[in-house]
Amino acid sequence: MVRMKKRIALLHRKTTETDIRLRLNIDGSGNYSVSTGIRFLDHMLELFARHGGFDLELAARGDLDVDQHHTVEDLGIVLGQAVREALGDKKGINRAGYFVMPMDETLALAAIDLSGRAYLVLNAPIKVRSVGDLQTELLEDFFHGFATSAAANVHLRIAYGRSSHHAVEALFKAFARALRFACSKDARLKRQLPSTKGLL
């Protein structure tokens, strides 16, 4: 019986603007404990954990008295770092994943390639400045931080929908499920790196 190496990352990032502690288990059960100081973002990261099948423990303190920007961006950075660290050498992973997520009247799409190259394409026209207590313009900063730190191609799109709440929620669910597949292992390829370059 071959035991699979645990794919877990523990990170602590502290700057003059934010203090973030994170534990991520890629091969989890969707359990979570999340506190960012932005309740709607907590909800989105809880969805991320549950739909991704990741175990996520996250505690963040940021200078929310100044603005949400530093906290949201740094959370994306730390989450991307955690994914990259937890994946290790990336041997045997599917590497790429996509998901189309319906949520009532809304449809969101996500495609991710853990390619070793960072790129974000976000097409998410949201009509309101905030959903709950989250400034919607900061979604791009979050996902850009993730893509850069995870060294991943991340393509996200809200195809259509009426509710801004549904749009953001469907986007996070699609993102989580696409990432779940990209991170998952293929038993047939367990000793192979999913690249002809020999490096990811």
N, C-alpha and C. Protein backbone atom coordinates (compact mmCIF):
# COMPACT_ATOMS: atom_id res chain seq x y z
N MET A 1 0.84 -1.20 0.00
CA MET A 1 0.00 0.00 0.00
C MET A 1 0.88 1.26 0.00
N VAL A 2 0.65 2.10 -0.99
CA VAL A 2 1.43 3.34 -1.09
C VAL A 2 0.68 4.47 -0.40
N ARG A 3 1.32 5.11 0.54
CA ARG A 3 0.69 6.22 1.25
C ARG A 3 0.91 7.51 0.49
N MET A 4 -0.17 8.26 0.32
CA MET A 4 -0.06 9.53 -0.37
C MET A 4 0.48 10.59 0.60
N LYS A 5 1.47 11.32 0.14
CA LYS A 5 2.02 12.40 0.94
C LYS A 5 0.95 13.44 1.18
N LYS A 6 0.86 13.89 2.43
CA LYS A 6 -0.15 14.88 2.77
C LYS A 6 0.16 16.20 2.08
N ARG A 7 -0.85 16.73 1.43
CA ARG A 7 -0.67 17.99 0.69
C ARG A 7 -1.27 19.12 1.53
N ILE A 8 -0.46 19.58 2.44
CA ILE A 8 -0.89 20.59 3.43
C ILE A 8 0.11 21.74 3.44
N ALA A 9 -0.41 22.95 3.55
CA ALA A 9 0.45 24.13 3.67
C ALA A 9 0.02 24.94 4.89
N LEU A 10 1.00 25.42 5.63
CA LEU A 10 0.77 26.33 6.76
C LEU A 10 1.56 27.60 6.49
N LEU A 11 0.88 28.72 6.48
CA LEU A 11 1.53 29.99 6.16
C LEU A 11 1.17 31.07 7.17
N HIS A 12 2.13 31.94 7.39
CA HIS A 12 1.88 33.15 8.18
C HIS A 12 2.51 34.31 7.43
N ARG A 13 1.68 35.23 7.01
CA ARG A 13 2.18 36.43 6.30
C ARG A 13 1.80 37.65 7.15
N LYS A 14 2.83 38.40 7.53
CA LYS A 14 2.58 39.60 8.34
C LYS A 14 3.28 40.78 7.69
N THR A 15 2.51 41.82 7.43
CA THR A 15 3.05 43.07 6.90
C THR A 15 2.56 44.20 7.81
N THR A 16 2.89 45.42 7.46
CA THR A 16 2.38 46.55 8.24
C THR A 16 0.89 46.76 8.01
N GLU A 17 0.34 46.06 7.00
CA GLU A 17 -1.08 46.25 6.64
C GLU A 17 -1.97 45.07 7.01
N THR A 18 -1.40 43.87 6.99
CA THR A 18 -2.20 42.67 7.27
C THR A 18 -1.41 41.65 8.07
N ASP A 19 -2.15 40.79 8.76
CA ASP A 19 -1.58 39.67 9.50
C ASP A 19 -2.47 38.46 9.21
N ILE A 20 -1.94 37.52 8.44
CA ILE A 20 -2.76 36.41 7.95
C ILE A 20 -2.12 35.08 8.31
N ARG A 21 -2.91 34.21 8.92
CA ARG A 21 -2.50 32.83 9.20
C ARG A 21 -3.44 31.90 8.45
N LEU A 22 -2.85 30.92 7.78
CA LEU A 22 -3.65 30.03 6.93
C LEU A 22 -3.11 28.61 7.00
N ARG A 23 -4.03 27.68 7.09
CA ARG A 23 -3.70 26.25 6.94
C ARG A 23 -4.63 25.68 5.88
N LEU A 24 -4.04 25.06 4.86
CA LEU A 24 -4.81 24.50 3.76
C LEU A 24 -4.44 23.04 3.56
N ASN A 25 -5.46 22.20 3.53
CA ASN A 25 -5.29 20.78 3.20
C ASN A 25 -6.01 20.55 1.87
N ILE A 26 -5.22 20.33 0.81
CA ILE A 26 -5.79 20.12 -0.52
C ILE A 26 -6.73 18.92 -0.54
N ASP A 27 -6.35 17.87 0.21
CA ASP A 27 -7.12 16.62 0.21
C ASP A 27 -8.02 16.54 1.43
N GLY A 28 -8.75 17.61 1.67
CA GLY A 28 -9.60 17.68 2.84
C GLY A 28 -11.02 17.19 2.59
N SER A 29 -11.90 17.63 3.45
CA SER A 29 -13.31 17.22 3.38
C SER A 29 -14.25 18.41 3.30
N GLY A 30 -13.69 19.58 3.00
CA GLY A 30 -14.53 20.78 2.90
C GLY A 30 -14.82 21.43 4.23
N ASN A 31 -13.98 21.17 5.23
CA ASN A 31 -14.15 21.81 6.54
C ASN A 31 -13.47 23.17 6.55
N TYR A 32 -14.00 24.09 7.33
CA TYR A 32 -13.45 25.43 7.30
C TYR A 32 -13.66 26.17 8.62
N SER A 33 -12.75 27.10 8.86
CA SER A 33 -12.87 28.09 9.92
C SER A 33 -12.25 29.35 9.36
N VAL A 34 -13.09 30.34 9.06
CA VAL A 34 -12.64 31.52 8.31
C VAL A 34 -13.06 32.79 9.03
N SER A 35 -12.10 33.69 9.21
CA SER A 35 -12.39 35.00 9.77
C SER A 35 -11.46 36.02 9.12
N THR A 36 -12.04 36.92 8.31
CA THR A 36 -11.24 37.92 7.60
C THR A 36 -11.57 39.36 8.02
N GLY A 37 -12.66 39.53 8.74
CA GLY A 37 -13.14 40.88 9.06
C GLY A 37 -14.09 41.42 8.01
N ILE A 38 -14.27 40.68 6.92
CA ILE A 38 -15.22 41.05 5.86
C ILE A 38 -16.18 39.87 5.72
N ARG A 39 -17.36 40.01 6.23
CA ARG A 39 -18.24 38.85 6.39
C ARG A 39 -18.62 38.19 5.06
N PHE A 40 -18.86 38.97 4.02
CA PHE A 40 -19.23 38.36 2.75
C PHE A 40 -18.04 37.59 2.17
N LEU A 41 -16.84 38.09 2.37
CA LEU A 41 -15.66 37.37 1.92
C LEU A 41 -15.48 36.08 2.72
N ASP A 42 -15.77 36.13 4.01
CA ASP A 42 -15.77 34.89 4.81
C ASP A 42 -16.67 33.85 4.14
N HIS A 43 -17.87 34.28 3.78
CA HIS A 43 -18.85 33.39 3.16
C HIS A 43 -18.31 32.80 1.86
N MET A 44 -17.65 33.62 1.04
CA MET A 44 -17.11 33.15 -0.24
C MET A 44 -15.98 32.14 -0.01
N LEU A 45 -15.14 32.37 0.98
CA LEU A 45 -14.05 31.45 1.26
C LEU A 45 -14.54 30.16 1.91
N GLU A 46 -15.63 30.25 2.64
CA GLU A 46 -16.28 29.04 3.16
C GLU A 46 -16.82 28.20 2.00
N LEU A 47 -17.43 28.87 1.04
CA LEU A 47 -17.91 28.17 -0.17
C LEU A 47 -16.74 27.55 -0.93
N PHE A 48 -15.65 28.30 -1.02
CA PHE A 48 -14.45 27.80 -1.69
C PHE A 48 -13.99 26.49 -1.07
N ALA A 49 -13.92 26.46 0.26
CA ALA A 49 -13.49 25.25 0.95
C ALA A 49 -14.46 24.09 0.73
N ARG A 50 -15.72 24.35 0.90
CA ARG A 50 -16.72 23.28 0.79
C ARG A 50 -16.81 22.72 -0.63
N HIS A 51 -16.87 23.60 -1.63
CA HIS A 51 -17.01 23.13 -3.01
C HIS A 51 -15.70 22.59 -3.58
N GLY A 52 -14.57 23.02 -3.02
CA GLY A 52 -13.28 22.51 -3.46
C GLY A 52 -12.88 21.22 -2.77
N GLY A 53 -13.58 20.90 -1.67
CA GLY A 53 -13.18 19.75 -0.87
C GLY A 53 -11.87 20.00 -0.15
N PHE A 54 -11.60 21.28 0.13
CA PHE A 54 -10.38 21.66 0.84
C PHE A 54 -10.71 21.91 2.32
N ASP A 55 -9.77 21.59 3.20
CA ASP A 55 -9.89 22.03 4.59
C ASP A 55 -9.13 23.34 4.71
N LEU A 56 -9.82 24.35 5.20
CA LEU A 56 -9.25 25.70 5.26
C LEU A 56 -9.43 26.31 6.63
N GLU A 57 -8.31 26.66 7.25
CA GLU A 57 -8.33 27.43 8.49
C GLU A 57 -7.66 28.77 8.17
N LEU A 58 -8.39 29.84 8.39
CA LEU A 58 -7.90 31.15 7.97
C LEU A 58 -8.31 32.22 8.97
N ALA A 59 -7.33 32.93 9.45
CA ALA A 59 -7.58 34.07 10.34
C ALA A 59 -6.78 35.25 9.82
N ALA A 60 -7.47 36.34 9.55
CA ALA A 60 -6.82 37.52 8.99
C ALA A 60 -7.24 38.77 9.74
N ARG A 61 -6.25 39.62 9.97
CA ARG A 61 -6.51 40.96 10.49
C ARG A 61 -5.87 41.95 9.54
N GLY A 62 -6.64 42.93 9.12
CA GLY A 62 -6.10 43.92 8.20
C GLY A 62 -6.51 45.32 8.59
N ASP A 63 -5.94 46.29 7.90
CA ASP A 63 -6.24 47.70 8.19
C ASP A 63 -7.55 48.11 7.50
N LEU A 64 -8.63 47.47 7.94
CA LEU A 64 -9.94 47.74 7.34
C LEU A 64 -10.42 49.15 7.65
N ASP A 65 -9.81 49.80 8.63
CA ASP A 65 -10.14 51.20 8.90
C ASP A 65 -9.64 52.10 7.78
N VAL A 66 -8.64 51.62 7.03
CA VAL A 66 -8.13 52.36 5.87
C VAL A 66 -8.98 52.02 4.65
N ASP A 67 -9.07 50.71 4.36
CA ASP A 67 -9.75 50.24 3.16
C ASP A 67 -9.73 48.72 3.19
N GLN A 68 -10.53 48.08 2.34
CA GLN A 68 -10.51 46.62 2.26
C GLN A 68 -9.40 46.10 1.35
N HIS A 69 -8.82 46.96 0.55
CA HIS A 69 -7.93 46.52 -0.52
C HIS A 69 -6.78 45.64 -0.04
N HIS A 70 -6.04 46.09 0.97
CA HIS A 70 -4.87 45.34 1.44
C HIS A 70 -5.26 43.95 1.91
N THR A 71 -6.36 43.86 2.65
CA THR A 71 -6.80 42.58 3.19
C THR A 71 -7.21 41.62 2.08
N VAL A 72 -8.02 42.09 1.16
CA VAL A 72 -8.53 41.23 0.09
C VAL A 72 -7.40 40.75 -0.81
N GLU A 73 -6.54 41.67 -1.23
CA GLU A 73 -5.43 41.30 -2.11
C GLU A 73 -4.48 40.32 -1.42
N ASP A 74 -4.13 40.61 -0.16
CA ASP A 74 -3.19 39.74 0.55
C ASP A 74 -3.78 38.36 0.79
N LEU A 75 -5.09 38.27 0.97
CA LEU A 75 -5.72 36.95 1.12
C LEU A 75 -5.59 36.14 -0.16
N GLY A 76 -5.75 36.78 -1.30
CA GLY A 76 -5.54 36.10 -2.57
C GLY A 76 -4.11 35.61 -2.71
N ILE A 77 -3.16 36.46 -2.31
CA ILE A 77 -1.73 36.11 -2.38
C ILE A 77 -1.43 34.90 -1.51
N VAL A 78 -1.90 34.93 -0.27
CA VAL A 78 -1.61 33.84 0.68
C VAL A 78 -2.28 32.54 0.24
N LEU A 79 -3.50 32.62 -0.25
CA LEU A 79 -4.18 31.41 -0.71
C LEU A 79 -3.44 30.80 -1.90
N GLY A 80 -2.98 31.64 -2.82
CA GLY A 80 -2.21 31.14 -3.96
C GLY A 80 -0.91 30.50 -3.52
N GLN A 81 -0.21 31.13 -2.57
CA GLN A 81 1.03 30.56 -2.03
C GLN A 81 0.76 29.21 -1.39
N ALA A 82 -0.34 29.10 -0.67
CA ALA A 82 -0.67 27.86 0.02
C ALA A 82 -0.95 26.73 -0.98
N VAL A 83 -1.68 27.02 -2.03
CA VAL A 83 -1.95 26.01 -3.04
C VAL A 83 -0.65 25.54 -3.68
N ARG A 84 0.20 26.48 -4.03
CA ARG A 84 1.46 26.11 -4.69
C ARG A 84 2.33 25.27 -3.76
N GLU A 85 2.40 25.66 -2.49
CA GLU A 85 3.21 24.92 -1.53
C GLU A 85 2.65 23.53 -1.28
N ALA A 86 1.33 23.44 -1.12
CA ALA A 86 0.70 22.15 -0.81
C ALA A 86 0.84 21.16 -1.95
N LEU A 87 0.88 21.63 -3.17
CA LEU A 87 0.98 20.74 -4.33
C LEU A 87 2.36 20.11 -4.48
N GLY A 88 3.36 20.69 -3.86
CA GLY A 88 4.69 20.10 -3.92
C GLY A 88 5.24 20.07 -5.34
N ASP A 89 5.72 18.90 -5.77
CA ASP A 89 6.34 18.80 -7.09
C ASP A 89 5.34 18.68 -8.23
N LYS A 90 4.06 18.60 -7.91
CA LYS A 90 2.96 18.55 -8.89
C LYS A 90 2.89 17.26 -9.69
N LYS A 91 3.69 16.28 -9.35
CA LYS A 91 3.63 15.02 -10.09
C LYS A 91 2.27 14.35 -9.89
N GLY A 92 1.70 13.89 -10.99
CA GLY A 92 0.46 13.14 -10.94
C GLY A 92 -0.81 13.96 -10.91
N ILE A 93 -0.70 15.30 -10.82
CA ILE A 93 -1.93 16.10 -10.77
C ILE A 93 -2.52 16.27 -12.17
N ASN A 94 -3.81 16.55 -12.21
CA ASN A 94 -4.44 16.81 -13.50
C ASN A 94 -3.94 18.10 -14.13
N ARG A 95 -3.54 19.04 -13.29
CA ARG A 95 -2.97 20.33 -13.69
C ARG A 95 -4.01 21.35 -14.14
N ALA A 96 -4.92 20.96 -14.99
CA ALA A 96 -5.93 21.89 -15.49
C ALA A 96 -7.32 21.41 -15.10
N GLY A 97 -8.21 22.37 -14.89
CA GLY A 97 -9.59 22.03 -14.57
C GLY A 97 -10.51 23.15 -14.96
N TYR A 98 -11.76 22.80 -15.21
CA TYR A 98 -12.75 23.83 -15.53
C TYR A 98 -14.09 23.43 -14.93
N PHE A 99 -14.95 24.41 -14.75
CA PHE A 99 -16.28 24.13 -14.22
C PHE A 99 -17.24 25.22 -14.68
N VAL A 100 -18.46 24.80 -14.98
CA VAL A 100 -19.54 25.72 -15.32
C VAL A 100 -20.57 25.60 -14.20
N MET A 101 -20.80 26.71 -13.50
CA MET A 101 -21.63 26.69 -12.29
C MET A 101 -22.91 27.49 -12.46
N PRO A 102 -24.06 26.81 -12.49
CA PRO A 102 -25.32 27.54 -12.48
C PRO A 102 -25.75 27.86 -11.05
N MET A 103 -26.33 29.01 -10.86
CA MET A 103 -26.94 29.36 -9.58
C MET A 103 -28.20 30.16 -9.86
N ASP A 104 -29.31 29.45 -9.88
CA ASP A 104 -30.58 30.05 -10.25
C ASP A 104 -30.48 30.70 -11.62
N GLU A 105 -30.61 32.02 -11.70
CA GLU A 105 -30.62 32.71 -13.00
C GLU A 105 -29.22 33.05 -13.51
N THR A 106 -28.20 32.70 -12.72
CA THR A 106 -26.83 33.10 -13.01
C THR A 106 -26.01 31.91 -13.50
N LEU A 107 -25.05 32.19 -14.38
CA LEU A 107 -24.12 31.16 -14.84
C LEU A 107 -22.70 31.73 -14.78
N ALA A 108 -21.81 30.99 -14.11
CA ALA A 108 -20.41 31.40 -14.00
C ALA A 108 -19.50 30.28 -14.50
N LEU A 109 -18.36 30.67 -15.06
CA LEU A 109 -17.43 29.71 -15.63
C LEU A 109 -16.03 29.97 -15.07
N ALA A 110 -15.29 28.89 -14.85
CA ALA A 110 -13.91 29.00 -14.38
C ALA A 110 -13.06 27.96 -15.09
N ALA A 111 -11.86 28.36 -15.49
CA ALA A 111 -10.87 27.45 -16.05
C ALA A 111 -9.53 27.80 -15.44
N ILE A 112 -8.82 26.78 -14.96
CA ILE A 112 -7.56 26.98 -14.26
C ILE A 112 -6.51 26.02 -14.81
N ASP A 113 -5.31 26.54 -15.01
CA ASP A 113 -4.17 25.72 -15.39
C ASP A 113 -3.03 26.04 -14.43
N LEU A 114 -2.60 25.05 -13.67
CA LEU A 114 -1.50 25.22 -12.73
C LEU A 114 -0.18 25.07 -13.50
N SER A 115 0.03 25.98 -14.39
CA SER A 115 1.05 25.88 -15.44
C SER A 115 2.43 26.35 -15.02
N GLY A 116 2.53 27.02 -13.88
CA GLY A 116 3.78 27.67 -13.50
C GLY A 116 3.90 29.07 -14.06
N ARG A 117 2.86 29.49 -14.80
CA ARG A 117 2.83 30.84 -15.38
C ARG A 117 1.58 31.56 -14.84
N ALA A 118 1.78 32.77 -14.41
CA ALA A 118 0.67 33.53 -13.81
C ALA A 118 -0.05 34.35 -14.87
N TYR A 119 -1.36 34.20 -14.90
CA TYR A 119 -2.18 35.05 -15.78
C TYR A 119 -3.62 35.01 -15.29
N LEU A 120 -4.23 36.18 -15.27
CA LEU A 120 -5.64 36.27 -14.89
C LEU A 120 -6.43 36.94 -16.00
N VAL A 121 -7.55 36.31 -16.35
CA VAL A 121 -8.55 36.95 -17.19
C VAL A 121 -9.86 36.88 -16.42
N LEU A 122 -10.39 38.03 -16.07
CA LEU A 122 -11.63 38.11 -15.30
C LEU A 122 -12.64 38.93 -16.08
N ASN A 123 -13.73 38.31 -16.42
CA ASN A 123 -14.82 39.00 -17.10
C ASN A 123 -16.06 38.87 -16.21
N ALA A 124 -16.21 39.83 -15.32
CA ALA A 124 -17.27 39.76 -14.32
C ALA A 124 -17.93 41.12 -14.15
N PRO A 125 -18.76 41.48 -15.09
CA PRO A 125 -19.45 42.78 -14.97
C PRO A 125 -20.51 42.72 -13.86
N ILE A 126 -20.20 43.38 -12.76
CA ILE A 126 -21.12 43.41 -11.61
C ILE A 126 -21.64 44.83 -11.46
N LYS A 127 -22.94 44.95 -11.31
CA LYS A 127 -23.59 46.25 -11.41
C LYS A 127 -23.50 47.09 -10.14
N VAL A 128 -23.15 46.47 -9.03
CA VAL A 128 -23.16 47.19 -7.76
C VAL A 128 -21.76 47.36 -7.22
N ARG A 129 -21.56 48.34 -6.37
CA ARG A 129 -20.23 48.63 -5.81
C ARG A 129 -19.85 47.65 -4.71
N SER A 130 -20.86 47.07 -4.06
CA SER A 130 -20.56 46.10 -3.00
C SER A 130 -21.67 45.06 -2.94
N VAL A 131 -21.26 43.86 -2.56
CA VAL A 131 -22.21 42.80 -2.26
C VAL A 131 -22.01 42.48 -0.79
N GLY A 132 -23.06 42.64 0.00
CA GLY A 132 -22.87 42.59 1.43
C GLY A 132 -21.88 43.68 1.81
N ASP A 133 -20.83 43.30 2.55
CA ASP A 133 -19.83 44.29 2.95
C ASP A 133 -18.55 44.19 2.12
N LEU A 134 -18.59 43.48 0.99
CA LEU A 134 -17.40 43.32 0.14
C LEU A 134 -17.46 44.26 -1.06
N GLN A 135 -16.40 45.05 -1.23
CA GLN A 135 -16.30 45.92 -2.40
C GLN A 135 -16.01 45.05 -3.63
N THR A 136 -16.91 45.08 -4.61
CA THR A 136 -16.82 44.14 -5.73
C THR A 136 -15.63 44.42 -6.64
N GLU A 137 -15.13 45.64 -6.71
CA GLU A 137 -13.98 45.92 -7.56
C GLU A 137 -12.74 45.18 -7.08
N LEU A 138 -12.75 44.73 -5.82
CA LEU A 138 -11.59 44.05 -5.25
C LEU A 138 -11.52 42.57 -5.63
N LEU A 139 -12.56 42.06 -6.28
CA LEU A 139 -12.52 40.67 -6.75
C LEU A 139 -11.32 40.46 -7.67
N GLU A 140 -11.07 41.44 -8.54
CA GLU A 140 -9.95 41.32 -9.46
C GLU A 140 -8.62 41.27 -8.70
N ASP A 141 -8.50 42.05 -7.64
CA ASP A 141 -7.27 42.06 -6.84
C ASP A 141 -7.07 40.72 -6.14
N PHE A 142 -8.16 40.15 -5.63
CA PHE A 142 -8.09 38.84 -4.97
C PHE A 142 -7.61 37.77 -5.94
N PHE A 143 -8.27 37.66 -7.08
CA PHE A 143 -7.94 36.60 -8.03
C PHE A 143 -6.59 36.84 -8.71
N HIS A 144 -6.22 38.10 -8.89
CA HIS A 144 -4.90 38.40 -9.43
C HIS A 144 -3.82 37.98 -8.44
N GLY A 145 -4.04 38.27 -7.17
CA GLY A 145 -3.10 37.83 -6.14
C GLY A 145 -2.96 36.32 -6.11
N PHE A 146 -4.09 35.63 -6.24
CA PHE A 146 -4.05 34.17 -6.26
C PHE A 146 -3.27 33.66 -7.47
N ALA A 147 -3.63 34.15 -8.66
CA ALA A 147 -3.00 33.66 -9.89
C ALA A 147 -1.49 33.89 -9.85
N THR A 148 -1.07 35.05 -9.38
CA THR A 148 0.36 35.38 -9.32
C THR A 148 1.09 34.45 -8.36
N SER A 149 0.55 34.26 -7.16
CA SER A 149 1.24 33.45 -6.15
C SER A 149 1.16 31.96 -6.43
N ALA A 150 0.06 31.52 -7.01
CA ALA A 150 -0.07 30.10 -7.36
C ALA A 150 0.66 29.77 -8.65
N ALA A 151 1.09 30.80 -9.39
CA ALA A 151 1.70 30.63 -10.72
C ALA A 151 0.74 29.84 -11.61
N ALA A 152 -0.47 30.38 -11.73
CA ALA A 152 -1.53 29.69 -12.45
C ALA A 152 -2.20 30.61 -13.46
N ASN A 153 -2.67 30.02 -14.54
CA ASN A 153 -3.60 30.70 -15.44
C ASN A 153 -4.98 30.57 -14.82
N VAL A 154 -5.66 31.68 -14.61
CA VAL A 154 -7.00 31.67 -14.03
C VAL A 154 -7.91 32.49 -14.93
N HIS A 155 -8.90 31.84 -15.51
CA HIS A 155 -9.87 32.50 -16.37
C HIS A 155 -11.25 32.36 -15.73
N LEU A 156 -11.88 33.48 -15.46
CA LEU A 156 -13.17 33.51 -14.77
C LEU A 156 -14.15 34.38 -15.53
N ARG A 157 -15.38 33.92 -15.61
CA ARG A 157 -16.38 34.70 -16.34
C ARG A 157 -17.76 34.52 -15.73
N ILE A 158 -18.47 35.62 -15.61
CA ILE A 158 -19.90 35.56 -15.30
C ILE A 158 -20.61 35.72 -16.63
N ALA A 159 -21.24 34.66 -17.08
CA ALA A 159 -21.87 34.66 -18.40
C ALA A 159 -23.13 35.52 -18.41
N TYR A 160 -23.94 35.35 -17.39
CA TYR A 160 -25.16 36.16 -17.27
C TYR A 160 -25.74 35.98 -15.88
N GLY A 161 -26.69 36.82 -15.55
CA GLY A 161 -27.35 36.73 -14.25
C GLY A 161 -27.91 38.08 -13.83
N ARG A 162 -28.92 38.04 -13.00
CA ARG A 162 -29.56 39.25 -12.50
C ARG A 162 -28.99 39.68 -11.14
N SER A 163 -28.83 38.70 -10.26
CA SER A 163 -28.43 38.99 -8.88
C SER A 163 -26.91 39.08 -8.75
N SER A 164 -26.42 40.19 -8.23
CA SER A 164 -24.98 40.34 -8.01
C SER A 164 -24.49 39.37 -6.95
N HIS A 165 -25.30 39.10 -5.96
CA HIS A 165 -24.96 38.12 -4.93
C HIS A 165 -24.74 36.75 -5.58
N HIS A 166 -25.68 36.34 -6.42
CA HIS A 166 -25.56 35.05 -7.10
C HIS A 166 -24.33 35.03 -8.02
N ALA A 167 -24.06 36.14 -8.66
CA ALA A 167 -22.93 36.21 -9.60
C ALA A 167 -21.61 35.95 -8.88
N VAL A 168 -21.38 36.63 -7.77
CA VAL A 168 -20.13 36.46 -7.03
C VAL A 168 -20.05 35.06 -6.43
N GLU A 169 -21.17 34.60 -5.89
CA GLU A 169 -21.19 33.27 -5.27
C GLU A 169 -20.93 32.18 -6.30
N ALA A 170 -21.57 32.27 -7.45
CA ALA A 170 -21.37 31.27 -8.51
C ALA A 170 -19.93 31.29 -9.00
N LEU A 171 -19.34 32.49 -9.04
CA LEU A 171 -17.95 32.62 -9.48
C LEU A 171 -17.00 31.88 -8.53
N PHE A 172 -17.19 32.05 -7.23
CA PHE A 172 -16.34 31.37 -6.25
C PHE A 172 -16.55 29.86 -6.27
N LYS A 173 -17.79 29.44 -6.47
CA LYS A 173 -18.06 27.99 -6.54
C LYS A 173 -17.40 27.38 -7.77
N ALA A 174 -17.51 28.06 -8.91
CA ALA A 174 -16.88 27.56 -10.14
C ALA A 174 -15.36 27.53 -9.98
N PHE A 175 -14.80 28.57 -9.38
CA PHE A 175 -13.37 28.65 -9.13
C PHE A 175 -12.90 27.48 -8.26
N ALA A 176 -13.63 27.22 -7.19
CA ALA A 176 -13.27 26.14 -6.27
C ALA A 176 -13.31 24.78 -6.95
N ARG A 177 -14.35 24.54 -7.73
CA ARG A 177 -14.51 23.23 -8.36
C ARG A 177 -13.52 23.02 -9.50
N ALA A 178 -13.19 24.08 -10.21
CA ALA A 178 -12.15 23.98 -11.25
C ALA A 178 -10.80 23.69 -10.61
N LEU A 179 -10.51 24.37 -9.51
CA LEU A 179 -9.24 24.16 -8.81
C LEU A 179 -9.18 22.76 -8.20
N ARG A 180 -10.28 22.30 -7.70
CA ARG A 180 -10.36 20.94 -7.13
C ARG A 180 -9.92 19.90 -8.15
N PHE A 181 -10.42 20.02 -9.37
CA PHE A 181 -10.06 19.06 -10.41
C PHE A 181 -8.60 19.23 -10.83
N ALA A 182 -8.15 20.47 -10.96
CA ALA A 182 -6.76 20.72 -11.35
C ALA A 182 -5.78 20.14 -10.34
N CYS A 183 -6.13 20.21 -9.06
CA CYS A 183 -5.25 19.71 -7.99
C CYS A 183 -5.33 18.20 -7.80
N SER A 184 -6.42 17.60 -8.27
CA SER A 184 -6.64 16.18 -8.02
C SER A 184 -5.65 15.33 -8.79
N LYS A 185 -5.40 14.13 -8.28
CA LYS A 185 -4.39 13.25 -8.87
C LYS A 185 -5.02 12.20 -9.77
N ASP A 186 -4.29 11.87 -10.81
CA ASP A 186 -4.67 10.81 -11.74
C ASP A 186 -3.74 9.63 -11.46
N ALA A 187 -4.31 8.52 -11.00
CA ALA A 187 -3.50 7.37 -10.60
C ALA A 187 -2.63 6.84 -11.74
N ARG A 188 -3.08 6.98 -12.97
CA ARG A 188 -2.31 6.49 -14.11
C ARG A 188 -1.03 7.29 -14.33
N LEU A 189 -1.06 8.55 -13.85
CA LEU A 189 0.06 9.45 -14.13
C LEU A 189 0.80 9.86 -12.86
N LYS A 190 0.74 9.00 -11.83
CA LYS A 190 1.21 9.41 -10.50
C LYS A 190 2.71 9.74 -10.45
N ARG A 191 3.50 9.19 -11.37
CA ARG A 191 4.93 9.48 -11.36
C ARG A 191 5.32 10.52 -12.41
N GLN A 192 4.35 11.01 -13.11
CA GLN A 192 4.65 11.94 -14.21
C GLN A 192 4.31 13.39 -13.85
N LEU A 193 5.13 14.27 -14.33
CA LEU A 193 4.82 15.69 -14.27
C LEU A 193 3.94 16.02 -15.48
N PRO A 194 2.83 16.71 -15.28
CA PRO A 194 1.92 16.97 -16.40
C PRO A 194 2.43 18.08 -17.32
N SER A 195 3.62 17.86 -17.87
CA SER A 195 4.23 18.80 -18.80
C SER A 195 5.34 18.11 -19.56
N THR A 196 5.47 18.42 -20.84
CA THR A 196 6.58 17.88 -21.63
C THR A 196 7.87 18.66 -21.42
N LYS A 197 7.78 19.77 -20.69
CA LYS A 197 8.95 20.60 -20.44
C LYS A 197 9.84 20.04 -19.32
N GLY A 198 9.23 19.20 -18.48
CA GLY A 198 9.95 18.69 -17.34
C GLY A 198 9.99 19.64 -16.16
N LEU A 199 9.20 20.72 -16.23
CA LEU A 199 9.17 21.72 -15.17
C LEU A 199 7.83 22.42 -15.17
N LEU A 200 7.28 22.61 -13.98
CA LEU A 200 6.06 23.39 -13.83
C LEU A 200 6.28 24.44 -12.74
